Amino acid sequence: MAEQDSTVARPYAQAAFELAQAEGQLQGWQDFLGLAAQLVVEPGVSRLILTPAADLAHLASSMVEVCRGQVGGTVLAGAGSRGENFLRLLVENRRLALLPEIAARFAVLKAEAEKSLDVTLTSATPVGDEQRARIEETLNKRFNRSIRLSVQVDAGLIGGARLQVGDRVIDGTVRTGLDKLATALRV
């Protein structure tokens, strides 16, 4: 089902991306789609979407109002009336449930267009500014993209760090090393 959702969501994400890019509103649309995606995964909303007799037009209007209300309307400001129309189109085609997939695909298209890459560094200890700058510089050269590095601390790793670059994971944690050693000793 997830693969089918991805296939169906792709043209919607592409259309939203092309519109946002033409209007110079990539970040605005990403914010809008991200918030709308969060709304549709709320348990009450997701149940309503799956209910055949639900008034989805009213739901879409309510979602637009929530997006307008966020931070003085700035979330909807980037997408504007075209964002409202996009939600209504999803309602007409009974595709609201695809918003998380659409938002994710949009983010990928945006990152490709901006030649950027989101990287998560999970470390056992806090990472200093100098160390962070070296990691970003190395990743910039390695992937030939602008790196947006987010750092998390997880003391459960014992030592070392793990990098997640898209769907690739580079794991240099002590925890993983110990797990591999334990597995090798069992054989």
Protein backbone atom coordinates (compact mmCIF):
# COMPACT_ATOMS: atom_id res chain seq x y z
CA MET A 1 0.00 0.00 0.00
CA ALA A 2 2.84 2.42 0.82
CA GLU A 3 4.32 1.95 -2.65
CA GLN A 4 0.93 2.65 -4.23
CA ASP A 5 0.54 5.76 -2.04
CA SER A 6 3.96 6.93 -3.17
CA THR A 7 3.05 6.43 -6.82
CA VAL A 8 -0.24 8.30 -6.47
CA ALA A 9 1.31 11.10 -4.38
CA ARG A 10 4.18 11.74 -6.80
CA PRO A 11 2.23 13.77 -9.42
CA TYR A 12 0.58 15.89 -6.71
CA ALA A 13 3.96 16.65 -5.15
CA GLN A 14 5.44 17.41 -8.55
CA ALA A 15 2.60 19.79 -9.42
CA ALA A 16 2.87 21.58 -6.07
CA PHE A 17 6.64 21.81 -6.50
CA GLU A 18 6.42 23.28 -9.99
CA LEU A 19 3.84 25.82 -8.85
CA ALA A 20 5.87 26.76 -5.76
CA GLN A 21 9.06 27.05 -7.77
CA ALA A 22 7.41 29.26 -10.40
CA GLU A 23 6.11 31.53 -7.64
CA GLY A 24 9.41 31.50 -5.72
CA GLN A 25 7.62 30.05 -2.69
CA LEU A 26 9.38 26.71 -2.11
CA GLN A 27 9.78 27.23 1.64
CA GLY A 28 6.25 28.56 2.04
CA TRP A 29 4.78 25.54 0.31
CA GLN A 30 6.99 23.18 2.28
CA ASP A 31 5.77 24.73 5.53
CA PHE A 32 2.16 24.57 4.35
CA LEU A 33 2.36 20.95 3.19
CA GLY A 34 4.19 19.94 6.36
CA LEU A 35 1.51 21.41 8.59
CA ALA A 36 -1.31 19.97 6.49
CA ALA A 37 0.39 16.57 6.63
CA GLN A 38 0.60 16.80 10.43
CA LEU A 39 -3.09 17.62 10.59
CA VAL A 40 -4.24 14.62 8.53
CA VAL A 41 -2.33 12.13 10.68
CA GLU A 42 -4.08 13.30 13.84
CA PRO A 43 -6.23 10.33 14.95
CA GLY A 44 -9.56 12.20 14.78
CA VAL A 45 -8.81 13.70 11.39
CA SER A 46 -7.52 10.46 9.88
CA ARG A 47 -10.68 8.63 11.04
CA LEU A 48 -12.79 11.36 9.47
CA ILE A 49 -10.91 11.12 6.16
CA LEU A 50 -11.63 7.38 6.02
CA THR A 51 -15.34 7.82 6.78
CA PRO A 52 -17.26 7.63 3.48
CA ALA A 53 -20.03 10.01 4.62
CA ALA A 54 -17.64 12.64 6.01
CA ASP A 55 -17.91 16.24 4.86
CA LEU A 56 -14.36 16.51 3.53
CA ALA A 57 -14.98 19.96 2.03
CA HIS A 58 -15.66 21.22 5.55
CA LEU A 59 -12.54 19.42 6.75
CA ALA A 60 -10.42 21.10 4.05
CA SER A 61 -11.85 24.51 5.02
CA SER A 62 -11.01 23.80 8.64
CA MET A 63 -7.48 22.80 7.68
CA VAL A 64 -7.07 26.04 5.73
CA GLU A 65 -8.20 27.98 8.79
CA VAL A 66 -5.67 26.16 11.00
CA CYS A 67 -2.91 26.89 8.48
CA ARG A 68 -3.95 30.56 8.39
CA GLY A 69 -3.89 30.71 12.17
CA GLN A 70 -0.32 29.44 12.48
CA VAL A 71 2.18 32.16 13.32
CA GLY A 72 -0.01 34.98 12.10
CA GLY A 73 -0.95 33.21 8.90
CA THR A 74 2.60 32.79 7.67
CA VAL A 75 2.21 29.07 7.03
CA LEU A 76 -0.54 29.60 4.48
CA ALA A 77 0.97 32.85 3.20
CA GLY A 78 3.59 31.00 1.15
CA ALA A 79 1.01 28.84 -0.58
CA GLY A 80 -1.84 31.36 -0.52
CA SER A 81 -5.05 30.73 -2.39
CA ARG A 82 -3.30 28.14 -4.53
CA GLY A 83 -2.63 26.16 -1.36
CA GLU A 84 -6.32 26.31 -0.52
CA ASN A 85 -7.15 25.14 -4.04
CA PHE A 86 -4.62 22.34 -3.69
CA LEU A 87 -6.34 21.10 -0.52
CA ARG A 88 -9.72 21.27 -2.23
CA LEU A 89 -8.36 19.27 -5.18
CA LEU A 90 -7.10 16.60 -2.77
CA VAL A 91 -10.56 16.52 -1.18
CA GLU A 92 -12.33 16.17 -4.54
CA ASN A 93 -10.07 13.27 -5.46
CA ARG A 94 -10.26 11.74 -1.93
CA ARG A 95 -6.48 12.07 -1.57
CA LEU A 96 -6.15 13.99 1.72
CA ALA A 97 -4.62 10.92 3.37
CA LEU A 98 -1.69 11.24 0.93
CA LEU A 99 -0.56 14.58 2.37
CA PRO A 100 2.32 13.09 4.43
CA GLU A 101 3.67 11.35 1.32
CA ILE A 102 3.13 14.47 -0.81
CA ALA A 103 4.94 16.63 1.75
CA ALA A 104 7.85 14.18 1.94
CA ARG A 105 8.21 14.00 -1.84
CA PHE A 106 7.96 17.80 -2.09
CA ALA A 107 10.80 18.12 0.44
CA VAL A 108 12.97 15.81 -1.67
CA LEU A 109 12.25 17.83 -4.83
CA LYS A 110 13.02 21.07 -2.97
CA ALA A 111 16.31 19.71 -1.62
CA GLU A 112 17.33 18.56 -5.11
CA ALA A 113 16.52 21.94 -6.60
CA GLU A 114 18.45 23.75 -3.88
CA LYS A 115 21.32 21.26 -4.05
CA SER A 116 20.99 20.71 -0.32
CA LEU A 117 20.97 17.66 1.88
CA ASP A 118 19.56 17.09 5.34
CA VAL A 119 21.93 15.16 7.57
CA THR A 120 21.32 14.01 11.12
CA LEU A 121 24.32 13.43 13.37
CA THR A 122 23.55 11.43 16.49
CA SER A 123 26.40 11.48 18.97
CA ALA A 124 26.96 10.00 22.40
CA THR A 125 28.25 13.39 23.63
CA PRO A 126 27.59 17.01 22.64
CA VAL A 127 29.35 18.17 19.47
CA GLY A 128 31.30 21.43 19.62
CA ASP A 129 30.97 24.21 17.04
CA GLU A 130 34.42 23.57 15.56
CA GLN A 131 33.77 19.85 15.23
CA ARG A 132 30.34 20.52 13.71
CA ALA A 133 31.88 22.91 11.16
CA ARG A 134 34.49 20.30 10.14
CA ILE A 135 31.80 17.65 9.71
CA GLU A 136 29.67 19.99 7.57
CA GLU A 137 32.67 20.94 5.43
CA THR A 138 33.64 17.30 4.90
CA LEU A 139 30.06 16.35 3.98
CA ASN A 140 29.77 19.36 1.63
CA LYS A 141 32.82 18.11 -0.27
CA ARG A 142 31.77 14.46 -0.18
CA PHE A 143 28.23 15.00 -1.48
CA ASN A 144 28.80 18.25 -3.41
CA ARG A 145 25.73 19.75 -1.76
CA SER A 146 24.90 22.32 0.85
CA ILE A 147 24.51 20.40 4.11
CA ARG A 148 21.84 21.15 6.71
CA LEU A 149 23.20 19.36 9.76
CA SER A 150 21.06 18.65 12.79
CA VAL A 151 22.77 17.23 15.85
CA GLN A 152 21.20 14.97 18.46
CA VAL A 153 22.73 13.52 21.61
CA ASP A 154 21.97 9.91 22.60
CA ALA A 155 23.98 8.74 25.61
CA GLY A 156 22.80 5.18 24.88
CA LEU A 157 25.31 5.02 22.04
CA ILE A 158 28.10 4.85 24.67
CA GLY A 159 30.57 6.54 22.30
CA GLY A 160 31.10 7.47 18.67
CA ALA A 161 28.46 8.82 16.29
CA ARG A 162 25.95 7.88 13.62
CA LEU A 163 25.26 9.94 10.48
CA GLN A 164 22.01 9.63 8.57
CA VAL A 165 22.26 11.07 5.08
CA GLY A 166 18.97 10.52 3.30
CA ASP A 167 18.41 6.76 3.36
CA ARG A 168 22.12 6.04 3.99
CA VAL A 169 23.39 5.45 7.54
CA ILE A 170 27.05 5.66 8.50
CA ASP A 171 27.30 4.07 11.93
CA GLY A 172 30.47 4.49 13.93
CA THR A 173 28.97 4.02 17.38
CA VAL A 174 30.43 1.93 20.15
CA ARG A 175 26.97 0.37 20.68
CA THR A 176 26.94 -0.98 17.11
CA GLY A 177 30.51 -2.25 17.46
CA LEU A 178 29.60 -4.11 20.65
CA ASP A 179 26.50 -5.58 19.01
CA LYS A 180 28.59 -6.83 16.08
CA LEU A 181 31.12 -8.34 18.48
CA ALA A 182 28.37 -10.08 20.44
CA THR A 183 26.94 -11.51 17.21
CA ALA A 184 30.36 -12.75 16.08
CA LEU A 185 30.98 -14.44 19.44
CA ARG A 186 27.64 -16.32 19.23
CA VAL A 187 28.58 -18.00 15.97
